[in-house]
Amino acid sequence: DLNAATALLQKMQHATGAPLATVAMPLYSELFQGGQ
């Protein structure tokens, strides 16, 4: 499971050239926006 999630994030990072944190943040934005 961890390898699959990591591979997905790495593919997104490679496709965009963005730092990993920047790639992952939209996936988890609701955590950082208090559900808003």
PDB file of all heavy atoms in Angstrom:
ATOM      1  N   ASP A   1       0.835  -1.200   0.000  1.00  0.00           N
ATOM      2  CA  ASP A   1       0.000   0.000   0.000  1.00  0.00           C
ATOM      3  C   ASP A   1       0.875   1.257   0.000  1.00  0.00           C
ATOM      4  O   ASP A   1       0.619   2.205  -0.754  1.00  0.00           O
ATOM      5  CB  ASP A   1      -0.912   0.041   1.230  1.00  0.00           C
ATOM      6  CG  ASP A   1      -1.922  -1.087   1.269  1.00  0.00           C
ATOM      7  OD1 ASP A   1      -2.341  -1.569   0.194  1.00  0.00           O
ATOM      8  OD2 ASP A   1      -2.289  -1.501   2.395  1.00  0.00           O
ATOM      9  N   LEU A   2       1.878   1.264   0.865  1.00  0.00           N
ATOM     10  CA  LEU A   2       2.777   2.428   0.936  1.00  0.00           C
ATOM     11  C   LEU A   2       3.531   2.618  -0.375  1.00  0.00           C
ATOM     12  O   LEU A   2       3.700   3.744  -0.853  1.00  0.00           O
ATOM     13  CB  LEU A   2       3.769   2.268   2.083  1.00  0.00           C
ATOM     14  CG  LEU A   2       3.206   2.444   3.475  1.00  0.00           C
ATOM     15  CD1 LEU A   2       4.277   2.162   4.521  1.00  0.00           C
ATOM     16  CD2 LEU A   2       2.666   3.850   3.661  1.00  0.00           C
ATOM     17  N   ASN A   3       3.975   1.522  -0.973  1.00  0.00           N
ATOM     18  CA  ASN A   3       4.680   1.615  -2.250  1.00  0.00           C
ATOM     19  C   ASN A   3       3.775   2.158  -3.347  1.00  0.00           C
ATOM     20  O   ASN A   3       4.209   2.961  -4.179  1.00  0.00           O
ATOM     21  CB  ASN A   3       5.257   0.256  -2.643  1.00  0.00           C
ATOM     22  CG  ASN A   3       6.449  -0.123  -1.810  1.00  0.00           C
ATOM     23  OD1 ASN A   3       7.158   0.732  -1.287  1.00  0.00           O
ATOM     24  ND2 ASN A   3       6.679  -1.413  -1.672  1.00  0.00           N
ATOM     25  N   ALA A   4       2.523   1.746  -3.356  1.00  0.00           N
ATOM     26  CA  ALA A   4       1.575   2.242  -4.366  1.00  0.00           C
ATOM     27  C   ALA A   4       1.335   3.737  -4.192  1.00  0.00           C
ATOM     28  O   ALA A   4       1.328   4.492  -5.173  1.00  0.00           O
ATOM     29  CB  ALA A   4       0.258   1.470  -4.269  1.00  0.00           C
ATOM     30  N   ALA A   5       1.144   4.180  -2.952  1.00  0.00           N
ATOM     31  CA  ALA A   5       0.922   5.607  -2.687  1.00  0.00           C
ATOM     32  C   ALA A   5       2.171   6.418  -3.036  1.00  0.00           C
ATOM     33  O   ALA A   5       2.078   7.493  -3.647  1.00  0.00           O
ATOM     34  CB  ALA A   5       0.541   5.818  -1.223  1.00  0.00           C
ATOM     35  N   THR A   6       3.330   5.900  -2.686  1.00  0.00           N
ATOM     36  CA  THR A   6       4.583   6.578  -2.995  1.00  0.00           C
ATOM     37  C   THR A   6       4.790   6.681  -4.501  1.00  0.00           C
ATOM     38  O   THR A   6       5.181   7.735  -5.019  1.00  0.00           O
ATOM     39  CB  THR A   6       5.767   5.839  -2.347  1.00  0.00           C
ATOM     40  OG1 THR A   6       5.564   5.809  -0.931  1.00  0.00           O
ATOM     41  CG2 THR A   6       7.086   6.523  -2.645  1.00  0.00           C
ATOM     42  N   ALA A   7       4.522   5.603  -5.209  1.00  0.00           N
ATOM     43  CA  ALA A   7       4.676   5.605  -6.668  1.00  0.00           C
ATOM     44  C   ALA A   7       3.761   6.642  -7.317  1.00  0.00           C
ATOM     45  O   ALA A   7       4.175   7.359  -8.232  1.00  0.00           O
ATOM     46  CB  ALA A   7       4.393   4.207  -7.232  1.00  0.00           C
ATOM     47  N   LEU A   8       2.534   6.743  -6.814  1.00  0.00           N
ATOM     48  CA  LEU A   8       1.599   7.732  -7.348  1.00  0.00           C
ATOM     49  C   LEU A   8       2.128   9.153  -7.142  1.00  0.00           C
ATOM     50  O   LEU A   8       2.145   9.964  -8.075  1.00  0.00           O
ATOM     51  CB  LEU A   8       0.233   7.585  -6.684  1.00  0.00           C
ATOM     52  CG  LEU A   8      -0.792   8.662  -7.020  1.00  0.00           C
ATOM     53  CD1 LEU A   8      -1.126   8.651  -8.508  1.00  0.00           C
ATOM     54  CD2 LEU A   8      -2.033   8.494  -6.180  1.00  0.00           C
ATOM     55  N   LEU A   9       2.585   9.445  -5.930  1.00  0.00           N
ATOM     56  CA  LEU A   9       3.108  10.783  -5.647  1.00  0.00           C
ATOM     57  C   LEU A   9       4.358  11.069  -6.475  1.00  0.00           C
ATOM     58  O   LEU A   9       4.542  12.188  -6.976  1.00  0.00           O
ATOM     59  CB  LEU A   9       3.400  10.933  -4.152  1.00  0.00           C
ATOM     60  CG  LEU A   9       2.164  10.963  -3.258  1.00  0.00           C
ATOM     61  CD1 LEU A   9       2.572  10.924  -1.793  1.00  0.00           C
ATOM     62  CD2 LEU A   9       1.311  12.177  -3.545  1.00  0.00           C
ATOM     63  N   GLN A  10       5.216  10.069  -6.642  1.00  0.00           N
ATOM     64  CA  GLN A  10       6.424  10.273  -7.446  1.00  0.00           C
ATOM     65  C   GLN A  10       6.088  10.515  -8.914  1.00  0.00           C
ATOM     66  O   GLN A  10       6.723  11.349  -9.568  1.00  0.00           O
ATOM     67  CB  GLN A  10       7.366   9.080  -7.293  1.00  0.00           C
ATOM     68  CG  GLN A  10       8.028   9.036  -5.939  1.00  0.00           C
ATOM     69  CD  GLN A  10       8.858   7.790  -5.720  1.00  0.00           C
ATOM     70  OE1 GLN A  10       8.595   6.738  -6.316  1.00  0.00           O
ATOM     71  NE2 GLN A  10       9.849   7.894  -4.865  1.00  0.00           N
ATOM     72  N   LYS A  11       5.073   9.820  -9.433  1.00  0.00           N
ATOM     73  CA  LYS A  11       4.647  10.055 -10.820  1.00  0.00           C
ATOM     74  C   LYS A  11       4.113  11.475 -10.977  1.00  0.00           C
ATOM     75  O   LYS A  11       4.391  12.148 -11.972  1.00  0.00           O
ATOM     76  CB  LYS A  11       3.588   9.038 -11.239  1.00  0.00           C
ATOM     77  CG  LYS A  11       4.146   7.663 -11.503  1.00  0.00           C
ATOM     78  CD  LYS A  11       3.060   6.687 -11.895  1.00  0.00           C
ATOM     79  CE  LYS A  11       3.628   5.299 -12.083  1.00  0.00           C
ATOM     80  NZ  LYS A  11       2.621   4.308 -12.427  1.00  0.00           N
ATOM     81  N   MET A  12       3.339  11.914  -9.993  1.00  0.00           N
ATOM     82  CA  MET A  12       2.802  13.280 -10.044  1.00  0.00           C
ATOM     83  C   MET A  12       3.945  14.297  -9.965  1.00  0.00           C
ATOM     84  O   MET A  12       3.944  15.294 -10.686  1.00  0.00           O
ATOM     85  CB  MET A  12       1.807  13.494  -8.908  1.00  0.00           C
ATOM     86  CG  MET A  12       0.527  12.691  -9.069  1.00  0.00           C
ATOM     87  SD  MET A  12      -0.538  12.693  -7.609  1.00  0.00           S
ATOM     88  CE  MET A  12      -0.880  14.433  -7.396  1.00  0.00           C
ATOM     89  N   GLN A  13       4.915  14.031  -9.119  1.00  0.00           N
ATOM     90  CA  GLN A  13       6.057  14.931  -8.988  1.00  0.00           C
ATOM     91  C   GLN A  13       6.847  14.979 -10.290  1.00  0.00           C
ATOM     92  O   GLN A  13       7.219  16.053 -10.761  1.00  0.00           O
ATOM     93  CB  GLN A  13       6.957  14.474  -7.839  1.00  0.00           C
ATOM     94  CG  GLN A  13       8.163  15.367  -7.644  1.00  0.00           C
ATOM     95  CD  GLN A  13       9.126  14.828  -6.597  1.00  0.00           C
ATOM     96  OE1 GLN A  13       9.208  13.629  -6.368  1.00  0.00           O
ATOM     97  NE2 GLN A  13       9.834  15.728  -5.964  1.00  0.00           N
ATOM     98  N   HIS A  14       7.097  13.828 -10.877  1.00  0.00           N
ATOM     99  CA  HIS A  14       7.852  13.769 -12.125  1.00  0.00           C
ATOM    100  C   HIS A  14       7.114  14.500 -13.248  1.00  0.00           C
ATOM    101  O   HIS A  14       7.720  15.228 -14.033  1.00  0.00           O
ATOM    102  CB  HIS A  14       8.109  12.312 -12.516  1.00  0.00           C
ATOM    103  CG  HIS A  14       8.876  12.157 -13.787  1.00  0.00           C
ATOM    104  ND1 HIS A  14      10.212  12.475 -13.897  1.00  0.00           N
ATOM    105  CD2 HIS A  14       8.482  11.734 -15.012  1.00  0.00           C
ATOM    106  CE1 HIS A  14      10.616  12.262 -15.136  1.00  0.00           C
ATOM    107  NE2 HIS A  14       9.581  11.807 -15.831  1.00  0.00           N
ATOM    108  N   ALA A  15       5.803  14.326 -13.307  1.00  0.00           N
ATOM    109  CA  ALA A  15       5.014  14.951 -14.367  1.00  0.00           C
ATOM    110  C   ALA A  15       4.978  16.467 -14.245  1.00  0.00           C
ATOM    111  O   ALA A  15       4.944  17.175 -15.252  1.00  0.00           O
ATOM    112  CB  ALA A  15       3.595  14.387 -14.358  1.00  0.00           C
ATOM    113  N   THR A  16       4.979  16.960 -13.007  1.00  0.00           N
ATOM    114  CA  THR A  16       4.865  18.402 -12.795  1.00  0.00           C
ATOM    115  C   THR A  16       6.193  19.092 -12.556  1.00  0.00           C
ATOM    116  O   THR A  16       6.310  20.295 -12.757  1.00  0.00           O
ATOM    117  CB  THR A  16       3.966  18.703 -11.585  1.00  0.00           C
ATOM    118  OG1 THR A  16       4.586  18.181 -10.404  1.00  0.00           O
ATOM    119  CG2 THR A  16       2.574  18.113 -11.762  1.00  0.00           C
ATOM    120  N   GLY A  17       7.185  18.337 -12.071  1.00  0.00           N
ATOM    121  CA  GLY A  17       8.474  18.937 -11.720  1.00  0.00           C
ATOM    122  C   GLY A  17       8.421  19.712 -10.417  1.00  0.00           C
ATOM    123  O   GLY A  17       9.379  20.369 -10.043  1.00  0.00           O
ATOM    124  N   ALA A  18       7.301  19.631  -9.727  1.00  0.00           N
ATOM    125  CA  ALA A  18       7.126  20.373  -8.467  1.00  0.00           C
ATOM    126  C   ALA A  18       7.690  19.577  -7.293  1.00  0.00           C
ATOM    127  O   ALA A  18       7.798  18.352  -7.362  1.00  0.00           O
ATOM    128  CB  ALA A  18       5.640  20.634  -8.237  1.00  0.00           C
ATOM    129  N   PRO A  19       8.040  20.260  -6.210  1.00  0.00           N
ATOM    130  CA  PRO A  19       8.476  19.552  -5.004  1.00  0.00           C
ATOM    131  C   PRO A  19       7.372  18.613  -4.516  1.00  0.00           C
ATOM    132  O   PRO A  19       6.179  18.881  -4.701  1.00  0.00           O
ATOM    133  CB  PRO A  19       8.728  20.666  -3.992  1.00  0.00           C
ATOM    134  CG  PRO A  19       8.948  21.884  -4.804  1.00  0.00           C
ATOM    135  CD  PRO A  19       8.101  21.710  -6.043  1.00  0.00           C
ATOM    136  N   LEU A  20       7.782  17.527  -3.883  1.00  0.00           N
ATOM    137  CA  LEU A  20       6.830  16.512  -3.441  1.00  0.00           C
ATOM    138  C   LEU A  20       5.756  17.090  -2.528  1.00  0.00           C
ATOM    139  O   LEU A  20       4.580  16.755  -2.658  1.00  0.00           O
ATOM    140  CB  LEU A  20       7.569  15.372  -2.735  1.00  0.00           C
ATOM    141  CG  LEU A  20       6.741  14.142  -2.416  1.00  0.00           C
ATOM    142  CD1 LEU A  20       6.065  13.584  -3.648  1.00  0.00           C
ATOM    143  CD2 LEU A  20       7.619  13.084  -1.768  1.00  0.00           C
ATOM    144  N   ALA A  21       6.120  17.964  -1.612  1.00  0.00           N
ATOM    145  CA  ALA A  21       5.129  18.558  -0.705  1.00  0.00           C
ATOM    146  C   ALA A  21       4.079  19.342  -1.492  1.00  0.00           C
ATOM    147  O   ALA A  21       2.894  19.306  -1.163  1.00  0.00           O
ATOM    148  CB  ALA A  21       5.810  19.456   0.317  1.00  0.00           C
ATOM    149  N   THR A  22       4.503  20.032  -2.531  1.00  0.00           N
ATOM    150  CA  THR A  22       3.578  20.802  -3.355  1.00  0.00           C
ATOM    151  C   THR A  22       2.640  19.877  -4.123  1.00  0.00           C
ATOM    152  O   THR A  22       1.453  20.168  -4.281  1.00  0.00           O
ATOM    153  CB  THR A  22       4.362  21.696  -4.343  1.00  0.00           C
ATOM    154  OG1 THR A  22       5.227  22.548  -3.589  1.00  0.00           O
ATOM    155  CG2 THR A  22       3.440  22.536  -5.193  1.00  0.00           C
ATOM    156  N   VAL A  23       3.159  18.751  -4.568  1.00  0.00           N
ATOM    157  CA  VAL A  23       2.348  17.773  -5.292  1.00  0.00           C
ATOM    158  C   VAL A  23       1.299  17.161  -4.366  1.00  0.00           C
ATOM    159  O   VAL A  23       0.139  16.997  -4.733  1.00  0.00           O
ATOM    160  CB  VAL A  23       3.251  16.671  -5.886  1.00  0.00           C
ATOM    161  CG1 VAL A  23       2.434  15.508  -6.406  1.00  0.00           C
ATOM    162  CG2 VAL A  23       4.129  17.239  -6.985  1.00  0.00           C
ATOM    163  N   ALA A  24       1.694  16.838  -3.148  1.00  0.00           N
ATOM    164  CA  ALA A  24       0.800  16.144  -2.213  1.00  0.00           C
ATOM    165  C   ALA A  24      -0.233  17.070  -1.581  1.00  0.00           C
ATOM    166  O   ALA A  24      -1.326  16.629  -1.236  1.00  0.00           O
ATOM    167  CB  ALA A  24       1.616  15.464  -1.123  1.00  0.00           C
ATOM    168  N   MET A  25       0.088  18.332  -1.414  1.00  0.00           N
ATOM    169  CA  MET A  25      -0.776  19.243  -0.666  1.00  0.00           C
ATOM    170  C   MET A  25      -2.214  19.294  -1.177  1.00  0.00           C
ATOM    171  O   MET A  25      -3.137  19.224  -0.364  1.00  0.00           O
ATOM    172  CB  MET A  25      -0.175  20.653  -0.644  1.00  0.00           C
ATOM    173  CG  MET A  25      -0.859  21.568   0.337  1.00  0.00           C
ATOM    174  SD  MET A  25      -0.828  20.988   2.056  1.00  0.00           S
ATOM    175  CE  MET A  25       0.906  21.065   2.405  1.00  0.00           C
ATOM    176  N   PRO A  26      -2.470  19.382  -2.495  1.00  0.00           N
ATOM    177  CA  PRO A  26      -3.874  19.425  -2.931  1.00  0.00           C
ATOM    178  C   PRO A  26      -4.661  18.177  -2.546  1.00  0.00           C
ATOM    179  O   PRO A  26      -5.867  18.241  -2.332  1.00  0.00           O
ATOM    180  CB  PRO A  26      -3.777  19.553  -4.458  1.00  0.00           C
ATOM    181  CG  PRO A  26      -2.435  20.130  -4.705  1.00  0.00           C
ATOM    182  CD  PRO A  26      -1.552  19.596  -3.612  1.00  0.00           C
ATOM    183  N   LEU A  27      -3.983  17.046  -2.442  1.00  0.00           N
ATOM    184  CA  LEU A  27      -4.662  15.809  -2.060  1.00  0.00           C
ATOM    185  C   LEU A  27      -5.166  15.851  -0.625  1.00  0.00           C
ATOM    186  O   LEU A  27      -6.114  15.175  -0.265  1.00  0.00           O
ATOM    187  CB  LEU A  27      -3.717  14.618  -2.225  1.00  0.00           C
ATOM    188  CG  LEU A  27      -3.193  14.376  -3.638  1.00  0.00           C
ATOM    189  CD1 LEU A  27      -2.149  13.270  -3.619  1.00  0.00           C
ATOM    190  CD2 LEU A  27      -4.336  14.030  -4.571  1.00  0.00           C
ATOM    191  N   TYR A  28      -4.503  16.657   0.192  1.00  0.00           N
ATOM    192  CA  TYR A  28      -4.818  16.704   1.620  1.00  0.00           C
ATOM    193  C   TYR A  28      -5.232  18.090   2.085  1.00  0.00           C
ATOM    194  O   TYR A  28      -5.202  18.393   3.260  1.00  0.00           O
ATOM    195  CB  TYR A  28      -3.611  16.217   2.431  1.00  0.00           C
ATOM    196  CG  TYR A  28      -3.130  14.873   1.951  1.00  0.00           C
ATOM    197  CD1 TYR A  28      -1.967  14.757   1.212  1.00  0.00           C
ATOM    198  CD2 TYR A  28      -3.882  13.737   2.198  1.00  0.00           C
ATOM    199  CE1 TYR A  28      -1.543  13.514   0.757  1.00  0.00           C
ATOM    200  CE2 TYR A  28      -3.469  12.496   1.741  1.00  0.00           C
ATOM    201  CZ  TYR A  28      -2.291  12.398   1.022  1.00  0.00           C
ATOM    202  OH  TYR A  28      -1.888  11.180   0.559  1.00  0.00           O
ATOM    203  N   SER A  29      -5.641  18.941   1.146  1.00  0.00           N
ATOM    204  CA  SER A  29      -5.940  20.326   1.486  1.00  0.00           C
ATOM    205  C   SER A  29      -7.022  20.455   2.543  1.00  0.00           C
ATOM    206  O   SER A  29      -6.979  21.358   3.375  1.00  0.00           O
ATOM    207  CB  SER A  29      -6.313  21.124   0.240  1.00  0.00           C
ATOM    208  OG  SER A  29      -7.468  20.573  -0.364  1.00  0.00           O
ATOM    209  N   GLU A  30      -8.003  19.537   2.542  1.00  0.00           N
ATOM    210  CA  GLU A  30      -9.069  19.646   3.534  1.00  0.00           C
ATOM    211  C   GLU A  30      -8.541  19.503   4.954  1.00  0.00           C
ATOM    212  O   GLU A  30      -9.107  20.051   5.893  1.00  0.00           O
ATOM    213  CB  GLU A  30     -10.189  18.632   3.269  1.00  0.00           C
ATOM    214  CG  GLU A  30      -9.808  17.182   3.489  1.00  0.00           C
ATOM    215  CD  GLU A  30      -9.134  16.520   2.279  1.00  0.00           C
ATOM    216  OE1 GLU A  30      -8.894  17.181   1.268  1.00  0.00           O
ATOM    217  OE2 GLU A  30      -8.850  15.320   2.372  1.00  0.00           O
ATOM    218  N   LEU A  31      -7.443  18.799   5.126  1.00  0.00           N
ATOM    219  CA  LEU A  31      -6.835  18.681   6.457  1.00  0.00           C
ATOM    220  C   LEU A  31      -6.300  20.022   6.944  1.00  0.00           C
ATOM    221  O   LEU A  31      -6.310  20.305   8.129  1.00  0.00           O
ATOM    222  CB  LEU A  31      -5.682  17.677   6.449  1.00  0.00           C
ATOM    223  CG  LEU A  31      -6.042  16.232   6.168  1.00  0.00           C
ATOM    224  CD1 LEU A  31      -4.773  15.405   6.024  1.00  0.00           C
ATOM    225  CD2 LEU A  31      -6.921  15.682   7.250  1.00  0.00           C
ATOM    226  N   PHE A  32      -5.823  20.824   6.008  1.00  0.00           N
ATOM    227  CA  PHE A  32      -5.171  22.077   6.366  1.00  0.00           C
ATOM    228  C   PHE A  32      -6.113  23.273   6.270  1.00  0.00           C
ATOM    229  O   PHE A  32      -5.739  24.374   6.628  1.00  0.00           O
ATOM    230  CB  PHE A  32      -3.950  22.287   5.479  1.00  0.00           C
ATOM    231  CG  PHE A  32      -2.942  21.199   5.653  1.00  0.00           C
ATOM    232  CD1 PHE A  32      -2.883  20.141   4.782  1.00  0.00           C
ATOM    233  CD2 PHE A  32      -2.084  21.205   6.747  1.00  0.00           C
ATOM    234  CE1 PHE A  32      -1.979  19.105   4.963  1.00  0.00           C
ATOM    235  CE2 PHE A  32      -1.174  20.172   6.933  1.00  0.00           C
ATOM    236  CZ  PHE A  32      -1.119  19.131   6.043  1.00  0.00           C
ATOM    237  N   GLN A  33      -7.339  23.042   5.808  1.00  0.00           N
ATOM    238  CA  GLN A  33      -8.304  24.122   5.699  1.00  0.00           C
ATOM    239  C   GLN A  33      -9.455  23.938   6.655  1.00  0.00           C
ATOM    240  O   GLN A  33     -10.482  24.602   6.534  1.00  0.00           O
ATOM    241  CB  GLN A  33      -8.843  24.197   4.263  1.00  0.00           C
ATOM    242  CG  GLN A  33      -7.796  24.531   3.246  1.00  0.00           C
ATOM    243  CD  GLN A  33      -8.341  24.429   1.838  1.00  0.00           C
ATOM    244  OE1 GLN A  33      -9.484  24.103   1.603  1.00  0.00           O
ATOM    245  NE2 GLN A  33      -7.481  24.714   0.864  1.00  0.00           N
ATOM    246  N   GLY A  34      -9.326  23.037   7.592  1.00  0.00           N
ATOM    247  CA  GLY A  34     -10.400  22.809   8.558  1.00  0.00           C
ATOM    248  C   GLY A  34     -11.698  22.368   7.912  1.00  0.00           C
ATOM    249  O   GLY A  34     -12.773  22.681   8.393  1.00  0.00           O
ATOM    250  N   GLY A  35     -11.590  21.639   6.793  1.00  0.00           N
ATOM    251  CA  GLY A  35     -12.785  21.140   6.121  1.00  0.00           C
ATOM    252  C   GLY A  35     -13.479  22.181   5.260  1.00  0.00           C
ATOM    253  O   GLY A  35     -14.542  21.941   4.732  1.00  0.00           O
ATOM    254  N   GLN A  36     -12.878  23.367   5.116  1.00  0.00           N
ATOM    255  CA  GLN A  36     -13.495  24.435   4.321  1.00  0.00           C
ATOM    256  C   GLN A  36     -13.017  24.383   2.890  1.00  0.00           C
ATOM    257  O   GLN A  36     -11.937  23.896   2.600  1.00  0.00           O
ATOM    258  CB  GLN A  36     -13.134  25.786   4.925  1.00  0.00           C
ATOM    259  CG  GLN A  36     -13.583  25.938   6.367  1.00  0.00           C
ATOM    260  CD  GLN A  36     -13.017  27.206   6.979  1.00  0.00           C
ATOM    261  OE1 GLN A  36     -12.368  27.999   6.325  1.00  0.00           O
ATOM    262  NE2 GLN A  36     -13.272  27.389   8.264  1.00  0.00           N
TER     263      GLN A  36
END
